[in-house]
Amino acid sequence: MFKHFVITRFNLKKKDWVTNKNNVEVLTDEWHHNRFKLFNDFCLSSLSNQTNKNFEWLVFFDTSTKPEFRAIIADIETKLPNFKPFFIDGMDAYLPEIQNYVTACDADYVITSRLDNDDSVSTNYIDIIQQQFIDTPFLAIDFINGYTLNTSKPYRLGKKLHQFNPFISLIEKNDNPKTVWSKTHGNWKKEKNLIQIKEHRIWCSIIHTENKVNEFTGYDEVDLDGFFSRFTLAESTEKSIRLDFQKQSHWTFLSSKNKFLSKYKYYRRRLKRQLGFYS
């Protein structure tokens, strides 16, 4: 009835993307080594351990990717059947390549889910998304509650409230589907055919030194054992987090501030949407 595609961009060249938030050049060899480590530690580990294997993971790399990194990609492909690498010429080719591939499937409906290459999802991520399926021409699904992990020692883990976030999924009839990457995640606020789901925390945004704009906005105490029972990270990464983890009791003021700002932004955006400011 439907096919499910998780779609990730990795190192696609873009004219206005030349440095990270610390003004350090991106797409260098050092950047690639660091990004593949993040990818392996958080993203790949979580997609490899899904309870539901009924999906394809389309990951897009630039044609300029060097042989040493192509070898890493080829090794992943042999170990994870769901992993489908594509090599394309920069961001301009990204959306057309996605749409061409998705349209060619033989399913009546498609689900497309966006996932950044440095983030993580729960082991039931695929299953929970697919449980939302209905045979509708067009419906965006916004899981607004998740977690966020700060990877600068000491590690901090908190809850996160984020509407129109980078984990949005889209259900469509397979008739020239637009796919979830047809809009930036923030622009889904303008979509009328969108539902927001609060009950499931199936994503975790990873905050690290190479993020372009992200900062840690987590709040509340999160049970670490409970988190790791649902989110599979690389074994060495989990061990490191457990050794240098800082409980919320050590950052209560930041937690309270982040919680207040998160709730404020949530209700402000909800009101604007109800009043039609985004239409």
C-alpha atoms as a PDB file:
ATOM      1  CA  MET A   1       0.000   0.000   0.000  1.00  0.00           C
ATOM      2  CA  PHE A   2       2.816   2.439   0.867  1.00  0.00           C
ATOM      3  CA  LYS A   3       6.580   2.670   0.750  1.00  0.00           C
ATOM      4  CA  HIS A   4       8.527   4.543   3.375  1.00  0.00           C
ATOM      5  CA  PHE A   5      11.670   6.530   2.563  1.00  0.00           C
ATOM      6  CA  VAL A   6      13.909   8.161   5.155  1.00  0.00           C
ATOM      7  CA  ILE A   7      15.921  10.860   3.370  1.00  0.00           C
ATOM      8  CA  THR A   8      19.231  12.361   4.505  1.00  0.00           C
ATOM      9  CA  ARG A   9      21.661  14.763   2.873  1.00  0.00           C
ATOM     10  CA  PHE A  10      25.294  14.407   3.841  1.00  0.00           C
ATOM     11  CA  ASN A  11      27.922  16.603   2.162  1.00  0.00           C
ATOM     12  CA  LEU A  12      26.150  18.272  -0.746  1.00  0.00           C
ATOM     13  CA  LYS A  13      27.774  21.495  -1.896  1.00  0.00           C
ATOM     14  CA  LYS A  14      25.756  24.674  -1.500  1.00  0.00           C
ATOM     15  CA  LYS A  15      26.809  28.216  -2.399  1.00  0.00           C
ATOM     16  CA  ASP A  16      25.870  29.813   0.923  1.00  0.00           C
ATOM     17  CA  TRP A  17      27.228  26.981   3.108  1.00  0.00           C
ATOM     18  CA  VAL A  18      30.964  27.480   3.517  1.00  0.00           C
ATOM     19  CA  THR A  19      31.530  27.655   7.295  1.00  0.00           C
ATOM     20  CA  ASN A  20      30.013  26.296  10.498  1.00  0.00           C
ATOM     21  CA  LYS A  21      28.785  28.398  13.429  1.00  0.00           C
ATOM     22  CA  ASN A  22      32.394  28.862  14.587  1.00  0.00           C
ATOM     23  CA  ASN A  23      33.374  30.228  11.163  1.00  0.00           C
ATOM     24  CA  VAL A  24      35.388  27.083  10.413  1.00  0.00           C
ATOM     25  CA  GLU A  25      35.449  25.894   6.803  1.00  0.00           C
ATOM     26  CA  VAL A  26      33.187  22.944   5.994  1.00  0.00           C
ATOM     27  CA  LEU A  27      33.578  20.036   3.533  1.00  0.00           C
ATOM     28  CA  THR A  28      37.309  19.748   4.211  1.00  0.00           C
ATOM     29  CA  ASP A  29      38.914  16.363   4.966  1.00  0.00           C
ATOM     30  CA  GLU A  30      38.779  17.184   8.674  1.00  0.00           C
ATOM     31  CA  TRP A  31      35.090  18.068   8.379  1.00  0.00           C
ATOM     32  CA  HIS A  32      34.402  14.746   6.640  1.00  0.00           C
ATOM     33  CA  HIS A  33      36.240  12.723   9.291  1.00  0.00           C
ATOM     34  CA  ASN A  34      34.327  14.495  12.073  1.00  0.00           C
ATOM     35  CA  ARG A  35      31.007  14.208  10.257  1.00  0.00           C
ATOM     36  CA  PHE A  36      31.391  10.488   9.567  1.00  0.00           C
ATOM     37  CA  LYS A  37      32.122   9.967  13.269  1.00  0.00           C
ATOM     38  CA  LEU A  38      28.943  11.852  14.208  1.00  0.00           C
ATOM     39  CA  PHE A  39      27.052   9.911  11.553  1.00  0.00           C
ATOM     40  CA  ASN A  40      28.277   6.549  12.855  1.00  0.00           C
ATOM     41  CA  ASP A  41      27.864   7.402  16.537  1.00  0.00           C
ATOM     42  CA  PHE A  42      24.343   8.810  16.402  1.00  0.00           C
ATOM     43  CA  CYS A  43      22.509   8.505  13.103  1.00  0.00           C
ATOM     44  CA  LEU A  44      23.659   5.227  11.547  1.00  0.00           C
ATOM     45  CA  SER A  45      23.555   3.390  14.860  1.00  0.00           C
ATOM     46  CA  SER A  46      19.927   4.408  15.422  1.00  0.00           C
ATOM     47  CA  LEU A  47      18.699   3.536  11.908  1.00  0.00           C
ATOM     48  CA  SER A  48      20.543   0.210  11.986  1.00  0.00           C
ATOM     49  CA  ASN A  49      18.589  -0.895  15.052  1.00  0.00           C
ATOM     50  CA  GLN A  50      15.016  -0.206  13.985  1.00  0.00           C
ATOM     51  CA  THR A  51      12.427  -2.736  15.119  1.00  0.00           C
ATOM     52  CA  ASN A  52      10.603  -2.207  11.805  1.00  0.00           C
ATOM     53  CA  LYS A  53      12.851  -2.833   8.773  1.00  0.00           C
ATOM     54  CA  ASN A  54      10.233  -1.880   6.188  1.00  0.00           C
ATOM     55  CA  PHE A  55      11.884   1.292   4.871  1.00  0.00           C
ATOM     56  CA  GLU A  56      14.590   2.584   2.557  1.00  0.00           C
ATOM     57  CA  TRP A  57      17.164   5.075   3.735  1.00  0.00           C
ATOM     58  CA  LEU A  58      18.212   7.381   0.904  1.00  0.00           C
ATOM     59  CA  VAL A  59      21.462   9.182   1.755  1.00  0.00           C
ATOM     60  CA  PHE A  60      22.813  11.768  -0.666  1.00  0.00           C
ATOM     61  CA  PHE A  61      26.527  12.466  -1.103  1.00  0.00           C
ATOM     62  CA  ASP A  62      28.266  14.925  -3.382  1.00  0.00           C
ATOM     63  CA  THR A  63      29.963  13.668  -6.549  1.00  0.00           C
ATOM     64  CA  SER A  64      33.165  15.273  -5.226  1.00  0.00           C
ATOM     65  CA  THR A  65      33.311  12.799  -2.305  1.00  0.00           C
ATOM     66  CA  LYS A  66      36.855  11.398  -2.116  1.00  0.00           C
ATOM     67  CA  PRO A  67      37.666   7.667  -2.532  1.00  0.00           C
ATOM     68  CA  GLU A  68      38.567   7.191   1.150  1.00  0.00           C
ATOM     69  CA  PHE A  69      35.090   8.348   2.162  1.00  0.00           C
ATOM     70  CA  ARG A  70      33.406   6.438  -0.660  1.00  0.00           C
ATOM     71  CA  ALA A  71      35.009   3.310   0.813  1.00  0.00           C
ATOM     72  CA  ILE A  72      33.309   4.009   4.155  1.00  0.00           C
ATOM     73  CA  ILE A  73      29.995   4.508   2.354  1.00  0.00           C
ATOM     74  CA  ALA A  74      30.409   1.256   0.408  1.00  0.00           C
ATOM     75  CA  ASP A  75      31.125  -0.623   3.645  1.00  0.00           C
ATOM     76  CA  ILE A  76      27.922   0.727   5.216  1.00  0.00           C
ATOM     77  CA  GLU A  77      25.974  -0.320   2.122  1.00  0.00           C
ATOM     78  CA  THR A  78      27.167  -3.929   2.434  1.00  0.00           C
ATOM     79  CA  LYS A  79      26.214  -4.087   6.122  1.00  0.00           C
ATOM     80  CA  LEU A  80      22.841  -2.310   6.027  1.00  0.00           C
ATOM     81  CA  PRO A  81      20.456  -3.378   3.221  1.00  0.00           C
ATOM     82  CA  ASN A  82      18.124  -0.416   3.888  1.00  0.00           C
ATOM     83  CA  PHE A  83      20.945   2.048   3.145  1.00  0.00           C
ATOM     84  CA  LYS A  84      20.825   3.467  -0.417  1.00  0.00           C
ATOM     85  CA  PRO A  85      23.649   5.936  -1.228  1.00  0.00           C
ATOM     86  CA  PHE A  86      23.340   8.441  -4.065  1.00  0.00           C
ATOM     87  CA  PHE A  87      26.112  10.608  -5.531  1.00  0.00           C
ATOM     88  CA  ILE A  88      24.832  13.839  -7.041  1.00  0.00           C
ATOM     89  CA  ASP A  89      26.139  17.247  -8.098  1.00  0.00           C
ATOM     90  CA  GLY A  90      25.331  19.537  -5.166  1.00  0.00           C
ATOM     91  CA  MET A  91      22.106  20.752  -3.594  1.00  0.00           C
ATOM     92  CA  ASP A  92      20.576  21.881  -6.887  1.00  0.00           C
ATOM     93  CA  ALA A  93      20.213  18.225  -7.890  1.00  0.00           C
ATOM     94  CA  TYR A  94      18.917  17.064  -4.506  1.00  0.00           C
ATOM     95  CA  LEU A  95      15.137  17.481  -4.725  1.00  0.00           C
ATOM     96  CA  PRO A  96      14.842  16.315  -8.385  1.00  0.00           C
ATOM     97  CA  GLU A  97      16.810  13.144  -7.574  1.00  0.00           C
ATOM     98  CA  ILE A  98      14.613  12.419  -4.566  1.00  0.00           C
ATOM     99  CA  GLN A  99      11.407  12.922  -6.522  1.00  0.00           C
ATOM    100  CA  ASN A 100      12.592  10.807  -9.472  1.00  0.00           C
ATOM    101  CA  TYR A 101      13.486   7.888  -7.219  1.00  0.00           C
ATOM    102  CA  VAL A 102      10.393   8.021  -5.008  1.00  0.00           C
ATOM    103  CA  THR A 103       7.999   8.410  -7.948  1.00  0.00           C
ATOM    104  CA  ALA A 104       9.401   5.268  -9.580  1.00  0.00           C
ATOM    105  CA  CYS A 105       8.250   2.983  -6.751  1.00  0.00           C
ATOM    106  CA  ASP A 106       5.181   0.815  -7.343  1.00  0.00           C
ATOM    107  CA  ALA A 107       3.277   1.780  -4.177  1.00  0.00           C
ATOM    108  CA  ASP A 108       0.015   3.726  -4.185  1.00  0.00           C
ATOM    109  CA  TYR A 109       1.250   5.955  -1.367  1.00  0.00           C
ATOM    110  CA  VAL A 110       4.632   7.106  -0.135  1.00  0.00           C
ATOM    111  CA  ILE A 111       5.868   8.281   3.238  1.00  0.00           C
ATOM    112  CA  THR A 112       8.972  10.469   3.208  1.00  0.00           C
ATOM    113  CA  SER A 113      10.754  11.343   6.453  1.00  0.00           C
ATOM    114  CA  ARG A 114      13.620  13.775   6.776  1.00  0.00           C
ATOM    115  CA  LEU A 115      16.574  13.016   9.027  1.00  0.00           C
ATOM    116  CA  ASP A 116      19.766  15.026   9.444  1.00  0.00           C
ATOM    117  CA  ASN A 117      23.020  13.069   9.308  1.00  0.00           C
ATOM    118  CA  ASP A 118      24.084  14.065  12.842  1.00  0.00           C
ATOM    119  CA  ASP A 119      20.838  13.327  14.702  1.00  0.00           C
ATOM    120  CA  SER A 120      19.398  10.189  16.295  1.00  0.00           C
ATOM    121  CA  VAL A 121      16.026   8.436  16.438  1.00  0.00           C
ATOM    122  CA  SER A 122      14.448   5.839  18.707  1.00  0.00           C
ATOM    123  CA  THR A 123      14.370   2.155  17.827  1.00  0.00           C
ATOM    124  CA  ASN A 124      10.609   2.371  17.158  1.00  0.00           C
ATOM    125  CA  TYR A 125      10.922   5.518  15.017  1.00  0.00           C
ATOM    126  CA  ILE A 126       9.917   3.807  11.751  1.00  0.00           C
ATOM    127  CA  ASP A 127       7.125   1.867  13.426  1.00  0.00           C
ATOM    128  CA  ILE A 128       5.573   4.916  15.100  1.00  0.00           C
ATOM    129  CA  ILE A 129       5.620   6.930  11.865  1.00  0.00           C
ATOM    130  CA  GLN A 130       3.984   4.130   9.913  1.00  0.00           C
ATOM    131  CA  GLN A 131       1.279   3.774  12.567  1.00  0.00           C
ATOM    132  CA  GLN A 132       0.124   7.260  11.566  1.00  0.00           C
ATOM    133  CA  PHE A 133      -0.556   6.198   7.967  1.00  0.00           C
ATOM    134  CA  ILE A 134      -3.962   6.899   6.443  1.00  0.00           C
ATOM    135  CA  ASP A 135      -4.837   6.811   2.755  1.00  0.00           C
ATOM    136  CA  THR A 136      -4.895  10.559   2.219  1.00  0.00           C
ATOM    137  CA  PRO A 137      -3.534  12.567  -0.713  1.00  0.00           C
ATOM    138  CA  PHE A 138      -1.312  14.815   1.422  1.00  0.00           C
ATOM    139  CA  LEU A 139      -0.625  14.936   5.158  1.00  0.00           C
ATOM    140  CA  ALA A 140       2.426  16.199   7.048  1.00  0.00           C
ATOM    141  CA  ILE A 141       3.207  14.663  10.441  1.00  0.00           C
ATOM    142  CA  ASP A 142       5.030  16.753  13.011  1.00  0.00           C
ATOM    143  CA  PHE A 143       6.250  14.941  16.128  1.00  0.00           C
ATOM    144  CA  ILE A 144       6.784  18.025  18.268  1.00  0.00           C
ATOM    145  CA  ASN A 145       8.292  16.394  21.385  1.00  0.00           C
ATOM    146  CA  GLY A 146      11.731  14.833  21.456  1.00  0.00           C
ATOM    147  CA  TYR A 147      15.062  15.028  23.224  1.00  0.00           C
ATOM    148  CA  THR A 148      18.273  16.950  22.742  1.00  0.00           C
ATOM    149  CA  LEU A 149      21.797  15.899  23.697  1.00  0.00           C
ATOM    150  CA  ASN A 150      24.718  18.267  24.228  1.00  0.00           C
ATOM    151  CA  THR A 151      27.929  16.459  23.249  1.00  0.00           C
ATOM    152  CA  SER A 152      30.344  18.965  24.805  1.00  0.00           C
ATOM    153  CA  LYS A 153      31.549  17.494  28.102  1.00  0.00           C
ATOM    154  CA  PRO A 154      29.930  17.238  30.527  1.00  0.00           C
ATOM    155  CA  TYR A 155      27.110  15.690  28.509  1.00  0.00           C
ATOM    156  CA  ARG A 156      23.617  17.037  29.068  1.00  0.00           C
ATOM    157  CA  LEU A 157      20.367  15.422  27.974  1.00  0.00           C
ATOM    158  CA  GLY A 158      16.992  17.136  28.119  1.00  0.00           C
ATOM    159  CA  LYS A 159      13.509  17.105  26.692  1.00  0.00           C
ATOM    160  CA  LYS A 160      12.873  19.308  23.677  1.00  0.00           C
ATOM    161  CA  LEU A 161       9.702  20.898  22.328  1.00  0.00           C
ATOM    162  CA  HIS A 162      10.036  21.913  18.681  1.00  0.00           C
ATOM    163  CA  GLN A 163       7.249  22.508  16.192  1.00  0.00           C
ATOM    164  CA  PHE A 164       7.981  22.192  12.460  1.00  0.00           C
ATOM    165  CA  ASN A 165      11.260  20.496  13.304  1.00  0.00           C
ATOM    166  CA  PRO A 166      13.823  18.662  11.122  1.00  0.00           C
ATOM    167  CA  PHE A 167      12.118  15.289  11.752  1.00  0.00           C
ATOM    168  CA  ILE A 168       8.877  15.929   9.845  1.00  0.00           C
ATOM    169  CA  SER A 169       7.304  13.137   7.759  1.00  0.00           C
ATOM    170  CA  LEU A 170       4.905  13.432   4.834  1.00  0.00           C
ATOM    171  CA  ILE A 171       2.241  11.016   3.574  1.00  0.00           C
ATOM    172  CA  GLU A 172       1.334  11.449  -0.107  1.00  0.00           C
ATOM    173  CA  LYS A 173      -0.465   9.681  -2.892  1.00  0.00           C
ATOM    174  CA  ASN A 174       2.193   8.499  -5.339  1.00  0.00           C
ATOM    175  CA  ASP A 175       1.179  10.896  -8.110  1.00  0.00           C
ATOM    176  CA  ASN A 176       4.187  13.143  -8.737  1.00  0.00           C
ATOM    177  CA  PRO A 177       4.837  13.375  -4.986  1.00  0.00           C
ATOM    178  CA  LYS A 178       6.495  16.530  -3.703  1.00  0.00           C
ATOM    179  CA  THR A 179       8.252  14.714  -0.784  1.00  0.00           C
ATOM    180  CA  VAL A 180       9.087  16.138   2.619  1.00  0.00           C
ATOM    181  CA  TRP A 181      12.194  17.909   1.280  1.00  0.00           C
ATOM    182  CA  SER A 182      10.094  20.139  -1.007  1.00  0.00           C
ATOM    183  CA  LYS A 183      10.070  22.670   1.842  1.00  0.00           C
ATOM    184  CA  THR A 184      12.514  23.666   4.519  1.00  0.00           C
ATOM    185  CA  HIS A 185      11.289  22.206   7.802  1.00  0.00           C
ATOM    186  CA  GLY A 186      10.346  25.637   9.164  1.00  0.00           C
ATOM    187  CA  ASN A 187       8.101  26.339   6.190  1.00  0.00           C
ATOM    188  CA  TRP A 188       5.790  23.449   7.059  1.00  0.00           C
ATOM    189  CA  LYS A 189       4.138  25.912   9.447  1.00  0.00           C
ATOM    190  CA  LYS A 190       2.258  27.211   6.372  1.00  0.00           C
ATOM    191  CA  GLU A 191       0.793  23.788   5.515  1.00  0.00           C
ATOM    192  CA  LYS A 192      -2.883  23.290   6.394  1.00  0.00           C
ATOM    193  CA  ASN A 193      -2.759  19.512   6.017  1.00  0.00           C
ATOM    194  CA  LEU A 194      -0.511  18.941   9.016  1.00  0.00           C
ATOM    195  CA  ILE A 195      -1.031  17.166  12.313  1.00  0.00           C
ATOM    196  CA  GLN A 196       1.079  17.573  15.419  1.00  0.00           C
ATOM    197  CA  ILE A 197       1.709  14.590  17.666  1.00  0.00           C
ATOM    198  CA  LYS A 198       2.724  15.016  21.311  1.00  0.00           C
ATOM    199  CA  GLU A 199       2.523  11.447  22.616  1.00  0.00           C
ATOM    200  CA  HIS A 200       5.751  10.000  21.205  1.00  0.00           C
ATOM    201  CA  ARG A 201       9.345  11.108  21.700  1.00  0.00           C
ATOM    202  CA  ILE A 202      11.038   9.409  18.765  1.00  0.00           C
ATOM    203  CA  TRP A 203      13.873  11.827  17.945  1.00  0.00           C
ATOM    204  CA  CYS A 204      16.918  13.366  19.557  1.00  0.00           C
ATOM    205  CA  SER A 205      18.719  16.413  18.163  1.00  0.00           C
ATOM    206  CA  ILE A 206      22.476  16.243  18.696  1.00  0.00           C
ATOM    207  CA  ILE A 207      24.217  19.493  19.614  1.00  0.00           C
ATOM    208  CA  HIS A 208      27.914  19.559  18.719  1.00  0.00           C
ATOM    209  CA  THR A 209      30.636  22.049  17.796  1.00  0.00           C
ATOM    210  CA  GLU A 210      29.985  21.808  14.052  1.00  0.00           C
ATOM    211  CA  ASN A 211      26.297  22.738  14.146  1.00  0.00           C
ATOM    212  CA  LYS A 212      25.693  25.807  12.032  1.00  0.00           C
ATOM    213  CA  VAL A 213      23.078  27.419  14.300  1.00  0.00           C
ATOM    214  CA  ASN A 214      21.873  24.947  16.941  1.00  0.00           C
ATOM    215  CA  GLU A 215      22.360  25.393  20.670  1.00  0.00           C
ATOM    216  CA  PHE A 216      21.296  23.273  23.627  1.00  0.00           C
ATOM    217  CA  THR A 217      17.696  24.064  24.572  1.00  0.00           C
ATOM    218  CA  GLY A 218      16.899  20.985  26.638  1.00  0.00           C
ATOM    219  CA  TYR A 219      14.969  20.967  29.892  1.00  0.00           C
ATOM    220  CA  ASP A 220      13.785  18.642  32.689  1.00  0.00           C
ATOM    221  CA  GLU A 221      15.431  15.533  34.077  1.00  0.00           C
ATOM    222  CA  VAL A 222      15.690  12.583  31.685  1.00  0.00           C
ATOM    223  CA  ASP A 223      16.387   9.082  32.964  1.00  0.00           C
ATOM    224  CA  LEU A 224      19.561   7.988  31.192  1.00  0.00           C
ATOM    225  CA  ASP A 225      18.855   4.247  31.418  1.00  0.00           C
ATOM    226  CA  GLY A 226      15.379   4.795  30.024  1.00  0.00           C
ATOM    227  CA  PHE A 227      16.779   6.869  27.186  1.00  0.00           C
ATOM    228  CA  PHE A 228      19.350   4.239  26.207  1.00  0.00           C
ATOM    229  CA  SER A 229      16.705   1.524  26.301  1.00  0.00           C
ATOM    230  CA  ARG A 230      15.060   3.318  23.345  1.00  0.00           C
ATOM    231  CA  PHE A 231      17.920   5.119  21.572  1.00  0.00           C
ATOM    232  CA  THR A 232      20.823   3.064  20.256  1.00  0.00           C
ATOM    233  CA  LEU A 233      24.071   4.993  19.952  1.00  0.00           C
ATOM    234  CA  ALA A 234      27.505   3.610  19.174  1.00  0.00           C
ATOM    235  CA  GLU A 235      28.729   1.551  22.126  1.00  0.00           C
ATOM    236  CA  SER A 236      31.775   3.767  22.774  1.00  0.00           C
ATOM    237  CA  THR A 237      29.629   6.892  22.619  1.00  0.00           C
ATOM    238  CA  GLU A 238      27.110   5.544  25.128  1.00  0.00           C
ATOM    239  CA  LYS A 239      29.964   4.605  27.454  1.00  0.00           C
ATOM    240  CA  SER A 240      31.483   8.077  27.199  1.00  0.00           C
ATOM    241  CA  ILE A 241      28.132   9.747  27.901  1.00  0.00           C
ATOM    242  CA  ARG A 242      27.546   7.599  30.975  1.00  0.00           C
ATOM    243  CA  LEU A 243      31.002   8.452  32.350  1.00  0.00           C
ATOM    244  CA  ASP A 244      30.660  12.228  31.947  1.00  0.00           C
ATOM    245  CA  PHE A 245      26.919  12.777  32.265  1.00  0.00           C
ATOM    246  CA  GLN A 246      25.669  15.819  34.156  1.00  0.00           C
ATOM    247  CA  LYS A 247      22.225  15.529  35.710  1.00  0.00           C
ATOM    248  CA  GLN A 248      19.669  18.299  35.359  1.00  0.00           C
ATOM    249  CA  SER A 249      20.107  19.195  39.045  1.00  0.00           C
ATOM    250  CA  HIS A 250      23.416  20.819  38.045  1.00  0.00           C
ATOM    251  CA  TRP A 251      21.799  23.093  35.450  1.00  0.00           C
ATOM    252  CA  THR A 252      18.384  23.842  36.918  1.00  0.00           C
ATOM    253  CA  PHE A 253      18.375  27.525  35.957  1.00  0.00           C
ATOM    254  CA  LEU A 254      19.184  26.737  32.318  1.00  0.00           C
ATOM    255  CA  SER A 255      16.539  23.998  32.371  1.00  0.00           C
ATOM    256  CA  SER A 256      13.878  26.378  33.684  1.00  0.00           C
ATOM    257  CA  LYS A 257      14.825  29.077  31.189  1.00  0.00           C
ATOM    258  CA  ASN A 258      14.790  26.626  28.260  1.00  0.00           C
ATOM    259  CA  LYS A 259      11.451  25.195  29.330  1.00  0.00           C
ATOM    260  CA  PHE A 260       9.849  28.631  29.601  1.00  0.00           C
ATOM    261  CA  LEU A 261      11.174  29.747  26.196  1.00  0.00           C
ATOM    262  CA  SER A 262      10.134  26.463  24.563  1.00  0.00           C
ATOM    263  CA  LYS A 263       6.576  26.711  25.881  1.00  0.00           C
ATOM    264  CA  TYR A 264       6.372  30.392  24.966  1.00  0.00           C
ATOM    265  CA  LYS A 265       7.488  29.715  21.378  1.00  0.00           C
ATOM    266  CA  TYR A 266       5.108  26.769  21.119  1.00  0.00           C
ATOM    267  CA  TYR A 267       2.000  28.710  22.188  1.00  0.00           C
ATOM    268  CA  ARG A 268       2.982  31.774  20.160  1.00  0.00           C
ATOM    269  CA  ARG A 269       3.390  29.716  16.992  1.00  0.00           C
ATOM    270  CA  ARG A 270       0.197  27.782  17.666  1.00  0.00           C
ATOM    271  CA  LEU A 271      -1.741  31.022  18.071  1.00  0.00           C
ATOM    272  CA  LYS A 272      -0.253  32.493  14.896  1.00  0.00           C
ATOM    273  CA  ARG A 273      -1.197  29.356  12.998  1.00  0.00           C
ATOM    274  CA  GLN A 274      -4.757  29.420  14.357  1.00  0.00           C
ATOM    275  CA  LEU A 275      -5.111  33.098  13.383  1.00  0.00           C
ATOM    276  CA  GLY A 276      -3.820  32.427   9.878  1.00  0.00           C
ATOM    277  CA  PHE A 277      -0.584  34.423  10.113  1.00  0.00           C
ATOM    278  CA  TYR A 278       1.297  31.648   8.292  1.00  0.00           C
ATOM    279  CA  SER A 279      -1.171  31.217   5.442  1.00  0.00           C
END
